[in-house]
Protein backbone atom coordinates (compact mmCIF):
# COMPACT_ATOMS: atom_id res chain seq x y z
CA UNK A 1 3.66 -4.67 18.01
CA UNK A 2 1.44 -7.67 18.58
CA UNK A 3 -2.19 -6.64 18.50
CA UNK A 4 -4.41 -7.96 21.29
CA UNK A 5 -8.02 -8.53 20.28
CA UNK A 6 -9.48 -7.59 23.67
CA UNK A 7 -7.79 -4.18 23.54
CA UNK A 8 -9.28 -3.17 20.17
CA UNK A 9 -12.20 -0.86 19.47
CA UNK A 10 -13.90 0.11 16.23
CA UNK A 11 -12.45 3.40 15.02
CA UNK A 12 -9.12 2.83 16.77
CA UNK A 13 -6.07 4.14 14.93
CA UNK A 14 -3.38 1.52 14.23
CA UNK A 15 -0.82 4.01 12.93
CA UNK A 16 0.37 5.68 9.79
CA UNK A 17 3.46 6.06 7.66
CA UNK A 18 4.81 7.69 4.54
CA UNK A 19 6.28 5.45 1.88
CA UNK A 20 8.89 6.77 -0.54
CA UNK A 21 9.15 5.14 -3.96
CA UNK A 22 11.96 5.41 -6.49
CA UNK A 23 12.21 4.23 -10.07
CA UNK A 24 14.79 1.74 -8.81
CA UNK A 25 12.13 0.30 -6.47
CA UNK A 26 9.87 -0.20 -9.49
CA UNK A 27 12.58 -1.98 -11.46
CA UNK A 28 13.29 -4.26 -8.49
CA UNK A 29 9.58 -4.97 -8.13
CA UNK A 30 9.32 -5.73 -11.86
CA UNK A 31 12.09 -8.29 -11.50
CA UNK A 32 10.46 -9.91 -8.48
CA UNK A 33 6.94 -9.94 -9.92
CA UNK A 34 7.69 -10.53 -13.58
CA UNK A 35 5.65 -7.45 -14.53
CA UNK A 36 7.94 -5.67 -16.98
CA UNK A 37 5.27 -3.43 -18.52
CA UNK A 38 7.22 -0.35 -19.68
CA UNK A 39 4.67 2.04 -18.13
CA UNK A 40 6.44 1.21 -14.86
CA UNK A 41 9.95 2.22 -15.95
CA UNK A 42 10.03 3.94 -19.36
CA UNK A 43 9.02 7.62 -19.38
CA UNK A 44 8.69 7.89 -23.18
CA UNK A 45 6.52 4.79 -23.37
CA UNK A 46 4.34 5.85 -20.43
CA UNK A 47 3.68 9.32 -21.86
CA UNK A 48 3.22 7.77 -25.31
CA UNK A 49 0.21 5.84 -24.00
CA UNK A 50 -1.19 9.04 -22.48
CA UNK A 51 -0.11 8.51 -18.88
CA UNK A 52 1.34 11.52 -17.06
CA UNK A 53 4.62 9.60 -16.64
CA UNK A 54 5.96 6.41 -15.10
CA UNK A 55 3.52 4.92 -12.60
CA UNK A 56 4.03 2.47 -9.77
CA UNK A 57 2.66 -1.04 -10.16
CA UNK A 58 -0.73 -1.23 -8.48
CA UNK A 59 0.31 -4.39 -6.66
CA UNK A 60 3.48 -2.64 -5.46
CA UNK A 61 1.37 0.13 -3.94
CA UNK A 62 -1.07 -2.38 -2.47
CA UNK A 63 1.73 -4.47 -0.97
CA UNK A 64 3.60 -1.50 0.47
CA UNK A 65 0.39 -0.22 2.06
CA UNK A 66 -0.49 -3.48 3.82
CA UNK A 67 2.92 -3.53 5.51
CA UNK A 68 1.42 -1.13 8.06
CA UNK A 69 -1.08 -3.86 9.01
CA UNK A 70 1.45 -6.70 9.17
CA UNK A 71 3.74 -4.62 11.37
CA UNK A 72 0.82 -3.74 13.66
CA UNK A 73 -0.39 -7.35 13.86
CA UNK A 74 3.12 -8.64 14.52
CA UNK A 75 2.68 -11.58 12.12
CA UNK A 76 2.26 -11.39 8.33
CA UNK A 77 0.32 -14.68 8.41
CA UNK A 78 -2.33 -13.00 10.57
CA UNK A 79 -3.59 -11.14 7.48
CA UNK A 80 -6.10 -13.66 6.10
CA UNK A 81 -7.71 -11.42 3.46
CA UNK A 82 -6.81 -8.17 1.76
CA UNK A 83 -8.80 -6.36 -0.90
CA UNK A 84 -8.86 -2.99 -2.59
CA UNK A 85 -9.91 -1.06 -5.67
CA UNK A 86 -7.31 0.90 -7.60
CA UNK A 87 -8.49 4.44 -8.32
CA UNK A 88 -5.50 6.65 -9.14
CA UNK A 89 -1.93 5.89 -10.18
CA UNK A 90 1.14 6.78 -8.13
CA UNK A 91 3.31 8.87 -10.46
CA UNK A 92 7.02 8.24 -9.82
CA UNK A 93 9.34 10.93 -11.16
CA UNK A 94 12.95 10.21 -12.10
CA UNK A 95 15.31 11.19 -9.29
CA UNK A 96 18.35 9.27 -10.56
CA UNK A 97 21.50 10.54 -8.87
CA UNK A 98 19.58 11.75 -5.82
CA UNK A 99 18.58 10.03 -2.62
CA UNK A 100 15.12 11.61 -2.89
CA UNK A 101 12.14 9.39 -3.73
CA UNK A 102 10.23 10.04 -6.94
CA UNK A 103 6.93 9.70 -5.08
CA UNK A 104 5.70 9.56 -1.51
CA UNK A 105 2.34 8.17 -0.54
CA UNK A 106 0.77 8.09 2.90
CA UNK A 107 -0.93 5.14 4.57
CA UNK A 108 -3.06 5.18 7.71
CA UNK A 109 -5.16 2.45 9.26
CA UNK A 110 -8.15 2.21 11.56
CA UNK A 111 -10.15 -0.67 12.95
CA UNK A 112 -13.30 -0.82 10.82
CA UNK A 113 -15.00 -3.86 12.35
CA UNK A 114 -14.46 -6.54 14.98
CA UNK A 115 -15.79 -10.10 15.08
CA UNK A 116 -15.40 -11.56 18.59
CA UNK A 117 -16.49 -15.07 17.57
CA UNK A 118 -13.93 -15.29 14.75
CA UNK A 119 -11.40 -13.11 16.63
CA UNK A 120 -10.86 -10.99 13.54
CA UNK A 121 -10.35 -7.29 13.05
CA UNK A 122 -11.01 -5.54 9.75
CA UNK A 123 -8.44 -2.82 9.22
CA UNK A 124 -9.46 -0.05 6.85
CA UNK A 125 -6.56 1.64 5.09
CA UNK A 126 -6.45 5.15 3.68
CA UNK A 127 -3.79 5.37 0.97
CA UNK A 128 -3.19 8.88 -0.37
CA UNK A 129 -0.83 10.25 -3.01
CA UNK A 130 -0.68 13.90 -4.01
CA UNK A 131 -3.83 14.64 -1.99
CA UNK A 132 -5.93 11.90 -3.64
CA UNK A 133 -6.88 8.40 -2.56
CA UNK A 134 -5.12 5.87 -4.76
CA UNK A 135 -6.74 2.81 -3.19
CA UNK A 136 -10.43 2.67 -2.30
CA UNK A 137 -12.03 0.23 0.10
CA UNK A 138 -8.59 -1.04 1.06
CA UNK A 139 -9.41 -3.54 3.79
CA UNK A 140 -7.32 -6.20 5.50
CA UNK A 141 -8.86 -8.92 7.64
CA UNK A 142 -6.60 -9.87 10.54
CA UNK A 143 -7.04 -13.05 12.60
CA UNK A 144 -5.78 -12.55 16.15
CA UNK A 145 -4.93 -15.19 18.77
């Protein structure tokens, strides 16, 4: 979809989706990002540092969540700012040998503010895992033609 500024209203829903995550996704992300911290792939290490298990990279979660906005805008370059606060980890269980994800988190977006002069829309994201928000104040600023 290509968002049209004149058709937007504050409070408008831009959509939602569920995002499945596997341990393999985390290993691929580690390779792409260079973040090989064992809390993101090694169960014994993660529990040894008092985590409940392997957790997704915060930036992985943040990046997967903003995909909702880029798909809605129709152009990834339209996202000119994106900020959040990390509040809870996404725990990814080991499902090796299965096609099931080790975690599923839900993302939904609404228009939080509009600036007609700048032709920008602030999209507020709700990112929830296991009934709890994992990102707070997740906001993407989108510049529209």
